């Protein structure tokens, strides 16, 4: 029974790569026959090399007479991007702001093909949460919108495009994480939501099911009006999801997250989740995966009721694996030009003027200094427009380094107009305080990029623009907005609040 129990348990656990990488997973197959692996940014590497590693994994599992692997990764776009050397996909909110369903479906399809070309057959995206809590610290621009119907339309479009390439999409974080004030990575969110309020949050998940989504991920949030347990450990939410008509894979959020890890031991949490109705455990680390496998195998041997539940989960996993594309059917990679084009289109159509008139600003201030301010070591900036009138002075402030205070002080001491690009500066209260003072001393055109919360933290700026893309596309959008208005979206630039 021991080998059988470990074989069943292995199919129900996704393991992060250990220190030895893919080869270590292969070398441990006799004892840890995991059904799949989860990749992170530090695991992806170069596309051709990753494809070779995943092919090697397929071959090793076949040689060991094991089912083919699920290879999962979280590539949402925007702030959640796992390929440092590849152009960043647009965030969900960028696509939701642009509200072009054909573009959303094309983004989903291109990135589905890109992932499949490297042997990644399961993406833990898209986020189907409705962002109803403006202070939500974890969802933000990962959500398509604050409007449930808009979220539903874009979730369905993205899923259709993605799964057309043979990859499994995952709607998350059922039944919703957009209403919380805490991040389940760091704390244990509890929300009190009546059935009437919950209904709006479920609309995108109904749309995902209608679109044929292959997987759903449950959140670690406690919805106190329905159950005292986090959704990942609650039979109530698994049963409710099934009654909505979903027959695909149900995966937990990572057990390494503090909402679970601070309360339950890994093995206990894994057994509780499978018992409640999960099909697959997202471990969050190799060590947690090992503990989960051991605990599930032990429960399988000792508890007949659990054995039936685990066998049911395993059959659902194997049914999905029967349709996975083998290495010889993986497509060629998508060109960087194609990926860049859809990101640029999204940044352009999703840009919003929050206040003021950018063209009037540059007419009144024909000469101004440009500052790029980011918390990332490698700022993604396309070197364009710096020879335009007034754009010769460009300063980059890296908030992850030690010298930003001196750099900011030098900017503060100067005079004249300022074109200020910021990326998630709201995370640095000291910087925000200084920039608010700066905005009272100098005329500022503020451009908040990627996750543009910054526009609301700097209310003193004369002009503010939100661009839900990276620095590279922000530069292009501003060039079009200020210097070449003919490139503006049809109907002109949209003011925030003018659409649903």
Protein backbone atom coordinates (compact mmCIF):
# COMPACT_ATOMS: atom_id res chain seq x y z
CA UNK A 1 0.00 0.00 0.00
CA UNK A 2 2.88 2.38 0.72
CA UNK A 3 3.93 2.73 -2.93
CA UNK A 4 0.31 3.12 -4.01
CA UNK A 5 -0.33 5.75 -1.35
CA UNK A 6 2.76 7.75 -2.32
CA UNK A 7 1.82 7.49 -5.99
CA UNK A 8 -1.65 8.89 -5.35
CA UNK A 9 -0.35 11.57 -2.98
CA UNK A 10 2.28 12.67 -5.50
CA UNK A 11 -0.35 13.44 -8.12
CA UNK A 12 -2.06 15.83 -5.71
CA UNK A 13 0.96 17.99 -4.89
CA UNK A 14 2.76 20.69 -6.88
CA UNK A 15 6.36 21.14 -5.73
CA UNK A 16 8.56 24.19 -6.09
CA UNK A 17 11.98 23.31 -7.47
CA UNK A 18 14.55 22.40 -4.78
CA UNK A 19 18.09 23.73 -4.72
CA UNK A 20 19.21 21.25 -7.37
CA UNK A 21 16.53 22.38 -9.82
CA UNK A 22 14.85 20.09 -12.34
CA UNK A 23 17.55 17.44 -12.07
CA UNK A 24 16.96 17.17 -8.31
CA UNK A 25 13.23 16.59 -8.92
CA UNK A 26 14.09 13.80 -11.38
CA UNK A 27 16.60 12.24 -8.98
CA UNK A 28 13.97 12.12 -6.22
CA UNK A 29 11.17 10.57 -8.28
CA UNK A 30 11.49 7.17 -6.60
CA UNK A 31 10.65 8.63 -3.22
CA UNK A 32 8.81 11.85 -4.14
CA UNK A 33 6.75 11.15 -7.29
CA UNK A 34 5.31 14.66 -7.53
CA UNK A 35 2.66 15.18 -10.16
CA UNK A 36 3.94 18.59 -11.14
CA UNK A 37 6.28 21.47 -10.44
CA UNK A 38 5.78 25.19 -9.94
CA UNK A 39 8.22 27.62 -11.54
CA UNK A 40 9.12 31.09 -10.32
CA UNK A 41 11.07 34.01 -11.73
CA UNK A 42 14.38 32.53 -10.60
CA UNK A 43 13.57 29.22 -12.38
CA UNK A 44 12.67 30.44 -15.86
CA UNK A 45 16.00 31.43 -17.36
CA UNK A 46 16.44 31.47 -21.13
CA UNK A 47 13.51 30.17 -23.21
CA UNK A 48 15.34 27.47 -25.19
CA UNK A 49 17.10 26.18 -22.08
CA UNK A 50 13.83 26.02 -20.12
CA UNK A 51 12.19 24.07 -22.93
CA UNK A 52 15.04 21.57 -22.80
CA UNK A 53 14.68 21.15 -19.04
CA UNK A 54 10.94 20.58 -19.29
CA UNK A 55 11.46 18.06 -22.10
CA UNK A 56 13.92 16.24 -19.86
CA UNK A 57 11.31 16.17 -17.08
CA UNK A 58 8.69 14.68 -19.41
CA UNK A 59 11.14 12.00 -20.52
CA UNK A 60 12.12 11.12 -16.95
CA UNK A 61 8.51 10.73 -15.84
CA UNK A 62 7.71 8.54 -18.85
CA UNK A 63 10.75 6.37 -18.08
CA UNK A 64 9.54 6.00 -14.49
CA UNK A 65 6.06 5.00 -15.78
CA UNK A 66 4.53 8.09 -14.17
CA UNK A 67 1.87 10.38 -15.70
CA UNK A 68 3.14 13.49 -17.51
CA UNK A 69 3.87 16.55 -15.39
CA UNK A 70 1.82 19.61 -14.78
CA UNK A 71 4.23 22.55 -15.08
CA UNK A 72 2.72 25.62 -13.45
CA UNK A 73 3.70 29.26 -13.25
CA UNK A 74 1.95 32.52 -12.36
CA UNK A 75 2.16 34.91 -15.31
CA UNK A 76 -0.58 37.50 -14.85
CA UNK A 77 1.19 40.44 -16.40
CA UNK A 78 1.62 43.85 -14.79
CA UNK A 79 3.19 43.53 -11.36
CA UNK A 80 3.26 39.71 -11.56
CA UNK A 81 5.80 38.84 -14.26
CA UNK A 82 8.17 35.86 -14.24
CA UNK A 83 10.46 36.51 -17.22
CA UNK A 84 12.87 39.35 -16.38
CA UNK A 85 14.39 39.49 -19.85
CA UNK A 86 11.05 39.53 -21.69
CA UNK A 87 8.74 42.51 -22.15
CA UNK A 88 6.18 42.73 -19.36
CA UNK A 89 2.61 41.80 -20.36
CA UNK A 90 -0.07 44.39 -19.65
CA UNK A 91 -1.75 44.22 -16.28
CA UNK A 92 -5.35 43.09 -16.02
CA UNK A 93 -6.41 46.61 -15.06
CA UNK A 94 -4.67 48.04 -18.12
CA UNK A 95 -6.77 45.72 -20.28
CA UNK A 96 -9.88 46.47 -18.27
CA UNK A 97 -9.35 50.21 -18.60
CA UNK A 98 -8.87 49.93 -22.36
CA UNK A 99 -11.97 47.69 -22.46
CA UNK A 100 -11.06 46.11 -25.81
CA UNK A 101 -12.11 42.46 -25.51
CA UNK A 102 -10.34 41.48 -28.73
CA UNK A 103 -7.08 42.87 -27.36
CA UNK A 104 -7.61 41.05 -24.05
CA UNK A 105 -8.16 37.76 -25.88
CA UNK A 106 -5.10 38.37 -28.07
CA UNK A 107 -2.92 39.05 -25.02
CA UNK A 108 -4.17 35.84 -23.41
CA UNK A 109 -3.49 33.85 -26.57
CA UNK A 110 0.00 35.23 -27.27
CA UNK A 111 1.13 34.63 -23.72
CA UNK A 112 -0.45 31.19 -23.70
CA UNK A 113 1.62 30.33 -26.76
CA UNK A 114 4.75 31.83 -25.22
CA UNK A 115 4.37 29.72 -22.07
CA UNK A 116 3.52 26.54 -23.99
CA UNK A 117 6.59 27.00 -26.17
CA UNK A 118 8.68 26.44 -23.03
CA UNK A 119 6.73 23.48 -21.73
CA UNK A 120 4.63 25.40 -19.22
CA UNK A 121 1.15 23.91 -19.45
CA UNK A 122 -0.63 25.51 -16.49
CA UNK A 123 -0.84 29.23 -15.75
CA UNK A 124 -2.24 30.36 -12.40
CA UNK A 125 -4.02 33.29 -14.03
CA UNK A 126 -6.19 35.27 -14.60
CA UNK A 127 -7.28 37.08 -11.46
CA UNK A 128 -11.09 37.06 -11.49
CA UNK A 129 -11.46 39.17 -8.35
CA UNK A 130 -13.55 42.34 -8.34
CA UNK A 131 -11.59 45.19 -6.74
CA UNK A 132 -14.22 46.65 -4.43
CA UNK A 133 -11.82 47.61 -1.61
CA UNK A 134 -9.65 50.55 -2.68
CA UNK A 135 -7.20 49.93 0.18
CA UNK A 136 -6.67 46.31 -0.89
CA UNK A 137 -2.91 45.74 -0.54
CA UNK A 138 -2.54 42.64 -2.70
CA UNK A 139 -4.90 42.75 -5.69
CA UNK A 140 -4.70 46.29 -7.11
CA UNK A 141 -4.05 46.31 -10.85
CA UNK A 142 -4.09 42.52 -10.89
CA UNK A 143 -7.88 42.90 -11.16
CA UNK A 144 -9.50 43.92 -14.43
CA UNK A 145 -11.90 46.38 -12.81
CA UNK A 146 -14.03 47.45 -9.88
CA UNK A 147 -17.08 46.53 -11.95
CA UNK A 148 -18.07 42.86 -11.82
CA UNK A 149 -19.55 42.73 -15.31
CA UNK A 150 -16.43 44.24 -16.86
CA UNK A 151 -14.25 41.81 -14.93
CA UNK A 152 -16.42 38.94 -16.15
CA UNK A 153 -16.14 39.92 -19.82
CA UNK A 154 -12.36 40.30 -19.73
CA UNK A 155 -11.80 37.16 -17.65
CA UNK A 156 -13.76 35.16 -20.21
CA UNK A 157 -11.93 36.72 -23.17
CA UNK A 158 -8.49 36.15 -21.62
CA UNK A 159 -9.32 32.53 -20.77
CA UNK A 160 -10.59 31.77 -24.28
CA UNK A 161 -7.42 33.16 -25.82
CA UNK A 162 -5.10 31.46 -23.35
CA UNK A 163 -6.64 27.99 -23.50
CA UNK A 164 -6.77 28.06 -27.31
CA UNK A 165 -3.03 27.40 -27.08
CA UNK A 166 -3.46 24.20 -25.04
CA UNK A 167 -2.51 25.68 -21.70
CA UNK A 168 -4.69 25.48 -18.59
CA UNK A 169 -5.94 28.83 -17.28
CA UNK A 170 -6.88 29.32 -13.63
CA UNK A 171 -9.53 31.74 -12.38
CA UNK A 172 -8.60 32.99 -8.90
CA UNK A 173 -9.01 33.63 -5.98
CA UNK A 174 -12.45 32.06 -5.52
CA UNK A 175 -14.82 33.28 -4.12
CA UNK A 176 -12.99 36.63 -4.22
CA UNK A 177 -10.04 38.52 -2.74
CA UNK A 178 -10.86 41.98 -4.05
CA UNK A 179 -12.85 42.99 -0.98
CA UNK A 180 -10.15 42.39 1.64
CA UNK A 181 -7.99 44.89 3.52
CA UNK A 182 -5.22 42.38 4.26
CA UNK A 183 -2.82 40.40 2.08
CA UNK A 184 -3.11 36.64 2.68
CA UNK A 185 0.60 36.28 1.90
CA UNK A 186 1.29 38.18 5.12
CA UNK A 187 -1.82 37.92 7.30
CA UNK A 188 -5.14 36.12 7.72
CA UNK A 189 -7.89 38.16 6.02
CA UNK A 190 -11.39 37.88 7.43
CA UNK A 191 -14.29 39.58 5.71
CA UNK A 192 -17.95 39.78 6.58
CA UNK A 193 -19.95 39.66 3.37
CA UNK A 194 -23.67 39.04 3.03
CA UNK A 195 -24.97 36.80 0.25
CA UNK A 196 -26.24 39.81 -1.67
CA UNK A 197 -22.76 41.38 -1.59
CA UNK A 198 -21.04 38.12 -2.45
CA UNK A 199 -23.17 37.74 -5.58
CA UNK A 200 -21.26 40.46 -7.42
CA UNK A 201 -17.92 38.85 -6.62
CA UNK A 202 -19.10 35.52 -8.04
CA UNK A 203 -20.14 36.95 -11.42
CA UNK A 204 -16.62 36.64 -12.98
CA UNK A 205 -16.30 33.04 -11.75
CA UNK A 206 -19.58 32.15 -13.44
CA UNK A 207 -18.20 33.75 -16.61
CA UNK A 208 -14.97 31.76 -16.28
CA UNK A 209 -16.92 28.52 -16.01
CA UNK A 210 -19.00 29.49 -19.04
CA UNK A 211 -15.76 30.18 -20.94
CA UNK A 212 -14.53 26.65 -20.14
CA UNK A 213 -11.79 27.48 -17.64
CA UNK A 214 -9.83 24.34 -16.72
CA UNK A 215 -8.88 25.25 -13.15
CA UNK A 216 -9.91 27.36 -10.19
CA UNK A 217 -7.79 28.50 -7.25
CA UNK A 218 -9.34 29.10 -3.84
CA UNK A 219 -8.28 31.91 -1.57
CA UNK A 220 -7.05 31.76 2.02
CA UNK A 221 -9.66 34.35 3.04
CA UNK A 222 -12.18 33.59 5.80
CA UNK A 223 -15.70 34.65 4.79
CA UNK A 224 -17.17 34.75 8.27
CA UNK A 225 -20.83 34.90 7.26
CA UNK A 226 -20.48 31.49 5.59
CA UNK A 227 -17.75 29.52 7.38
CA UNK A 228 -15.12 29.96 10.08
CA UNK A 229 -12.39 28.35 7.98
CA UNK A 230 -10.30 29.83 5.15
CA UNK A 231 -11.86 28.95 1.80
CA UNK A 232 -8.96 26.62 0.96
CA UNK A 233 -9.84 24.42 3.95
CA UNK A 234 -13.61 24.80 3.80
CA UNK A 235 -15.81 22.09 2.32
CA UNK A 236 -18.54 24.72 2.01
CA UNK A 237 -16.66 26.64 -0.71
CA UNK A 238 -15.55 23.57 -2.65
CA UNK A 239 -19.13 22.31 -2.69
CA UNK A 240 -20.44 25.71 -3.69
CA UNK A 241 -17.98 25.88 -6.57
CA UNK A 242 -19.11 22.46 -7.79
CA UNK A 243 -22.78 23.45 -7.56
CA UNK A 244 -21.97 26.41 -9.83
CA UNK A 245 -21.18 23.83 -12.51
CA UNK A 246 -17.40 23.70 -12.36
CA UNK A 247 -15.96 20.25 -13.08
CA UNK A 248 -12.27 21.06 -13.55
CA UNK A 249 -9.26 21.11 -11.25
CA UNK A 250 -9.45 22.97 -7.96
CA UNK A 251 -6.11 24.06 -6.54
CA UNK A 252 -5.29 25.74 -3.25
CA UNK A 253 -3.36 28.95 -2.98
CA UNK A 254 0.16 28.36 -1.68
CA UNK A 255 0.37 26.70 1.74
CA UNK A 256 3.51 28.73 2.40
CA UNK A 257 1.42 31.89 2.73
CA UNK A 258 1.06 33.12 6.28
CA UNK A 259 -2.75 33.00 6.26
CA UNK A 260 -2.30 29.21 6.42
CA UNK A 261 1.31 28.69 7.50
CA UNK A 262 0.93 30.68 10.73
CA UNK A 263 -1.90 28.42 11.89
CA UNK A 264 -1.42 24.95 10.41
CA UNK A 265 1.52 22.64 9.90
CA UNK A 266 2.05 21.93 6.18
CA UNK A 267 0.98 18.28 6.35
CA UNK A 268 -2.14 19.07 8.35
CA UNK A 269 -3.12 21.89 5.97
CA UNK A 270 -2.63 19.63 2.92
CA UNK A 271 -4.79 16.83 4.35
CA UNK A 272 -7.46 19.31 5.44
CA UNK A 273 -7.55 20.87 1.96
CA UNK A 274 -7.87 17.54 0.14
CA UNK A 275 -10.52 16.41 2.62
CA UNK A 276 -12.47 19.63 2.04
CA UNK A 277 -12.45 19.18 -1.74
CA UNK A 278 -9.16 20.36 -3.24
CA UNK A 279 -7.70 18.35 -6.11
CA UNK A 280 -4.17 19.75 -6.00
CA UNK A 281 -2.03 21.43 -3.35
CA UNK A 282 0.08 24.44 -4.28
CA UNK A 283 2.85 23.87 -1.75
CA UNK A 284 4.88 27.06 -2.02
CA UNK A 285 8.20 25.31 -1.42
CA UNK A 286 9.94 21.96 -1.88
CA UNK A 287 9.98 21.35 1.88
CA UNK A 288 6.24 21.96 2.22
CA UNK A 289 5.61 19.74 -0.82
CA UNK A 290 7.52 16.89 0.82
CA UNK A 291 5.57 17.32 4.07
CA UNK A 292 2.28 17.44 2.15
CA UNK A 293 3.07 14.28 0.19
CA UNK A 294 4.01 12.38 3.35
CA UNK A 295 0.88 13.48 5.22
CA UNK A 296 -1.48 12.75 2.32
CA UNK A 297 0.07 9.29 1.80
CA UNK A 298 -0.30 8.50 5.50
CA UNK A 299 -3.94 9.63 5.57
CA UNK A 300 -4.57 7.60 2.40
CA UNK A 301 -3.36 4.45 4.14
CA UNK A 302 -5.22 5.03 7.40
CA UNK A 303 -8.56 6.63 6.49
CA UNK A 304 -10.98 5.02 4.01
CA UNK A 305 -13.07 8.16 3.65
CA UNK A 306 -9.98 10.22 2.84
CA UNK A 307 -8.84 7.51 0.41
CA UNK A 308 -12.04 7.86 -1.61
CA UNK A 309 -11.67 11.65 -1.69
CA UNK A 310 -7.99 11.41 -2.76
CA UNK A 311 -8.82 8.85 -5.46
CA UNK A 312 -11.49 11.20 -6.80
CA UNK A 313 -8.99 14.07 -6.92
CA UNK A 314 -6.39 11.87 -8.62
CA UNK A 315 -8.86 10.81 -11.32
CA UNK A 316 -9.64 14.43 -12.07
CA UNK A 317 -5.92 15.22 -12.30
CA UNK A 318 -5.28 12.27 -14.63
CA UNK A 319 -8.22 13.27 -16.83
CA UNK A 320 -6.59 16.67 -17.37
CA UNK A 321 -3.16 15.13 -17.92
CA UNK A 322 -4.54 12.92 -20.70
CA UNK A 323 -4.90 16.07 -22.81
CA UNK A 324 -1.55 17.74 -22.06
CA UNK A 325 0.55 18.51 -25.13
CA UNK A 326 3.80 16.51 -25.25
CA UNK A 327 7.11 18.20 -26.10
CA UNK A 328 6.86 17.41 -29.81
CA UNK A 329 3.59 19.38 -29.95
CA UNK A 330 4.87 22.51 -28.20
CA UNK A 331 4.77 25.56 -30.49
CA UNK A 332 7.64 27.77 -31.53
CA UNK A 333 8.13 30.79 -29.29
CA UNK A 334 6.32 34.07 -29.88
CA UNK A 335 8.48 36.94 -31.14
CA UNK A 336 9.36 39.71 -28.74
CA UNK A 337 7.93 42.15 -31.29
CA UNK A 338 4.48 40.55 -31.02
CA UNK A 339 4.58 40.59 -27.24
CA UNK A 340 5.74 44.20 -27.20
CA UNK A 341 3.02 45.30 -29.60
CA UNK A 342 0.12 44.07 -27.47
CA UNK A 343 1.68 45.58 -24.35
CA UNK A 344 2.04 48.92 -26.10
CA UNK A 345 -1.53 48.81 -27.38
CA UNK A 346 -2.79 48.09 -23.88
CA UNK A 347 -0.75 50.90 -22.32
CA UNK A 348 -2.05 53.33 -24.93
CA UNK A 349 -5.73 52.40 -24.71
CA UNK A 350 -5.67 52.05 -20.94
CA UNK A 351 -4.00 55.39 -20.13
CA UNK A 352 -6.09 57.92 -18.19
CA UNK A 353 -5.71 61.62 -17.51
CA UNK A 354 -6.51 61.99 -13.82
CA UNK A 355 -6.35 65.78 -13.60
CA UNK A 356 -5.10 68.77 -15.53
CA UNK A 357 -4.18 69.21 -19.19
CA UNK A 358 -0.80 67.71 -20.23
CA UNK A 359 -0.61 69.64 -23.49
CA UNK A 360 -1.39 72.93 -21.78
CA UNK A 361 1.26 72.08 -19.19
CA UNK A 362 3.97 71.67 -21.83
CA UNK A 363 2.79 74.81 -23.62
CA UNK A 364 3.15 76.80 -20.41
CA UNK A 365 6.40 75.01 -19.48
CA UNK A 366 8.30 74.36 -22.74
CA UNK A 367 11.43 73.37 -20.82
CA UNK A 368 11.33 70.79 -18.05
CA UNK A 369 13.40 68.17 -16.29
CA UNK A 370 12.48 64.48 -16.57
CA UNK A 371 12.85 62.17 -13.57
CA UNK A 372 12.28 58.39 -13.52
CA UNK A 373 11.70 57.05 -10.01
CA UNK A 374 11.49 53.32 -9.36
CA UNK A 375 12.08 50.74 -6.63
CA UNK A 376 13.49 48.20 -9.08
CA UNK A 377 17.21 47.78 -9.67
CA UNK A 378 16.75 47.63 -13.43
CA UNK A 379 14.40 50.35 -14.62
CA UNK A 380 12.73 49.45 -17.89
CA UNK A 381 13.06 52.63 -19.92
CA UNK A 382 13.16 52.99 -23.66
CA UNK A 383 15.61 55.75 -24.45
CA UNK A 384 13.33 57.85 -26.60
CA UNK A 385 12.24 61.45 -26.61
CA UNK A 386 15.27 62.74 -24.75
CA UNK A 387 16.29 64.89 -27.67
CA UNK A 388 12.84 66.51 -27.81
CA UNK A 389 12.72 70.09 -26.66
CA UNK A 390 12.97 70.24 -22.92
CA UNK A 391 13.72 66.53 -22.51
CA UNK A 392 17.52 66.65 -22.40
CA UNK A 393 17.80 66.41 -18.63
CA UNK A 394 16.90 62.89 -17.48
CA UNK A 395 17.51 61.67 -13.92
CA UNK A 396 16.91 58.12 -12.70
CA UNK A 397 16.31 57.62 -8.99
CA UNK A 398 16.64 54.02 -7.82
CA UNK A 399 14.76 53.70 -4.53
CA UNK A 400 16.24 50.25 -3.93
CA UNK A 401 19.70 51.78 -3.53
CA UNK A 402 21.23 53.90 -0.79
CA UNK A 403 21.73 57.17 -2.64
CA UNK A 404 18.14 58.10 -3.38
CA UNK A 405 17.92 60.68 -0.59
CA UNK A 406 20.79 62.69 -2.07
CA UNK A 407 19.36 62.35 -5.58
CA UNK A 408 15.93 63.47 -4.41
CA UNK A 409 17.45 66.39 -2.51
CA UNK A 410 19.24 67.56 -5.66
CA UNK A 411 15.96 67.48 -7.58
CA UNK A 412 14.25 69.36 -4.75
CA UNK A 413 16.80 72.17 -4.86
CA UNK A 414 16.32 72.85 -8.57
CA UNK A 415 13.69 75.07 -10.17
CA UNK A 416 11.49 74.83 -13.26
CA UNK A 417 8.91 72.34 -14.43
CA UNK A 418 9.26 68.63 -13.75
CA UNK A 419 8.01 65.60 -15.70
CA UNK A 420 7.93 62.96 -12.96
CA UNK A 421 7.51 59.23 -13.69
CA UNK A 422 6.95 57.05 -10.61
CA UNK A 423 6.49 53.33 -10.13
CA UNK A 424 4.94 52.21 -6.83
CA UNK A 425 6.50 55.04 -4.86
CA UNK A 426 3.50 54.86 -2.51
CA UNK A 427 5.41 52.05 -0.77
CA UNK A 428 7.89 54.68 0.48
CA UNK A 429 6.09 57.17 2.81
CA UNK A 430 9.22 59.28 3.24
CA UNK A 431 9.55 59.68 -0.52
CA UNK A 432 5.86 60.54 -0.89
CA UNK A 433 6.16 63.22 1.78
CA UNK A 434 9.11 64.81 -0.02
CA UNK A 435 7.42 64.65 -3.41
CA UNK A 436 4.32 66.37 -2.03
CA UNK A 437 6.52 69.24 -0.82
CA UNK A 438 8.30 69.26 -4.16
CA UNK A 439 4.97 69.59 -5.99
CA UNK A 440 4.32 72.83 -4.12
CA UNK A 441 7.67 74.27 -5.21
CA UNK A 442 7.79 73.23 -8.87
CA UNK A 443 5.13 72.68 -11.57
CA UNK A 444 4.87 68.88 -11.87
CA UNK A 445 3.36 66.66 -14.56
CA UNK A 446 3.11 63.34 -12.74
CA UNK A 447 2.96 60.03 -14.62
CA UNK A 448 2.24 57.00 -12.42
CA UNK A 449 3.02 53.69 -14.12
CA UNK A 450 2.45 49.95 -13.79
CA UNK A 451 0.37 49.98 -10.57
CA UNK A 452 -0.51 53.68 -10.56
CA UNK A 453 -1.61 54.09 -6.97
CA UNK A 454 0.85 56.99 -6.76
CA UNK A 455 -1.52 59.44 -8.47
CA UNK A 456 -3.75 59.49 -5.40
CA UNK A 457 -0.82 59.92 -3.01
CA UNK A 458 0.45 63.11 -4.71
CA UNK A 459 -2.68 65.30 -4.93
CA UNK A 460 -0.61 68.51 -5.16
CA UNK A 461 0.72 67.73 -8.66
CA UNK A 462 -0.68 70.07 -11.30
CA UNK A 463 -1.24 67.35 -13.91
CA UNK A 464 -1.52 63.60 -13.30
CA UNK A 465 -1.69 60.71 -15.74
CA UNK A 466 -2.14 56.99 -14.92
CA UNK A 467 -0.56 54.44 -17.25
CA UNK A 468 -1.08 50.77 -16.44
CA UNK A 469 2.12 49.71 -18.18
CA UNK A 470 5.85 49.80 -17.53
CA UNK A 471 8.29 52.69 -17.97
CA UNK A 472 9.01 51.81 -21.57
CA UNK A 473 5.38 52.21 -22.62
CA UNK A 474 4.83 55.18 -20.35
CA UNK A 475 7.51 57.01 -22.32
CA UNK A 476 5.76 56.21 -25.59
CA UNK A 477 2.33 57.22 -24.29
CA UNK A 478 3.60 60.54 -22.97
CA UNK A 479 5.40 61.23 -26.25
CA UNK A 480 2.07 60.71 -27.97
CA UNK A 481 0.09 62.64 -25.40
CA UNK A 482 2.35 65.68 -25.30
CA UNK A 483 4.31 65.83 -28.51
CA UNK A 484 2.20 63.88 -31.01
CA UNK A 485 -1.49 64.07 -30.08
CA UNK A 486 -2.44 62.27 -33.28
CA UNK A 487 -1.41 59.01 -31.58
CA UNK A 488 -4.01 59.42 -28.87
CA UNK A 489 -6.77 56.78 -28.72
CA UNK A 490 -9.85 57.26 -30.84
CA UNK A 491 -12.17 59.69 -29.08
CA UNK A 492 -9.32 61.37 -27.24
CA UNK A 493 -7.79 60.71 -23.85
CA UNK A 494 -10.23 59.50 -21.26
CA UNK A 495 -10.68 61.20 -17.92
CA UNK A 496 -10.92 58.82 -14.96
CA UNK A 497 -14.47 58.27 -13.82
CA UNK A 498 -16.07 58.86 -17.23
CA UNK A 499 -16.63 55.14 -17.82
CA UNK A 500 -18.30 52.35 -15.88
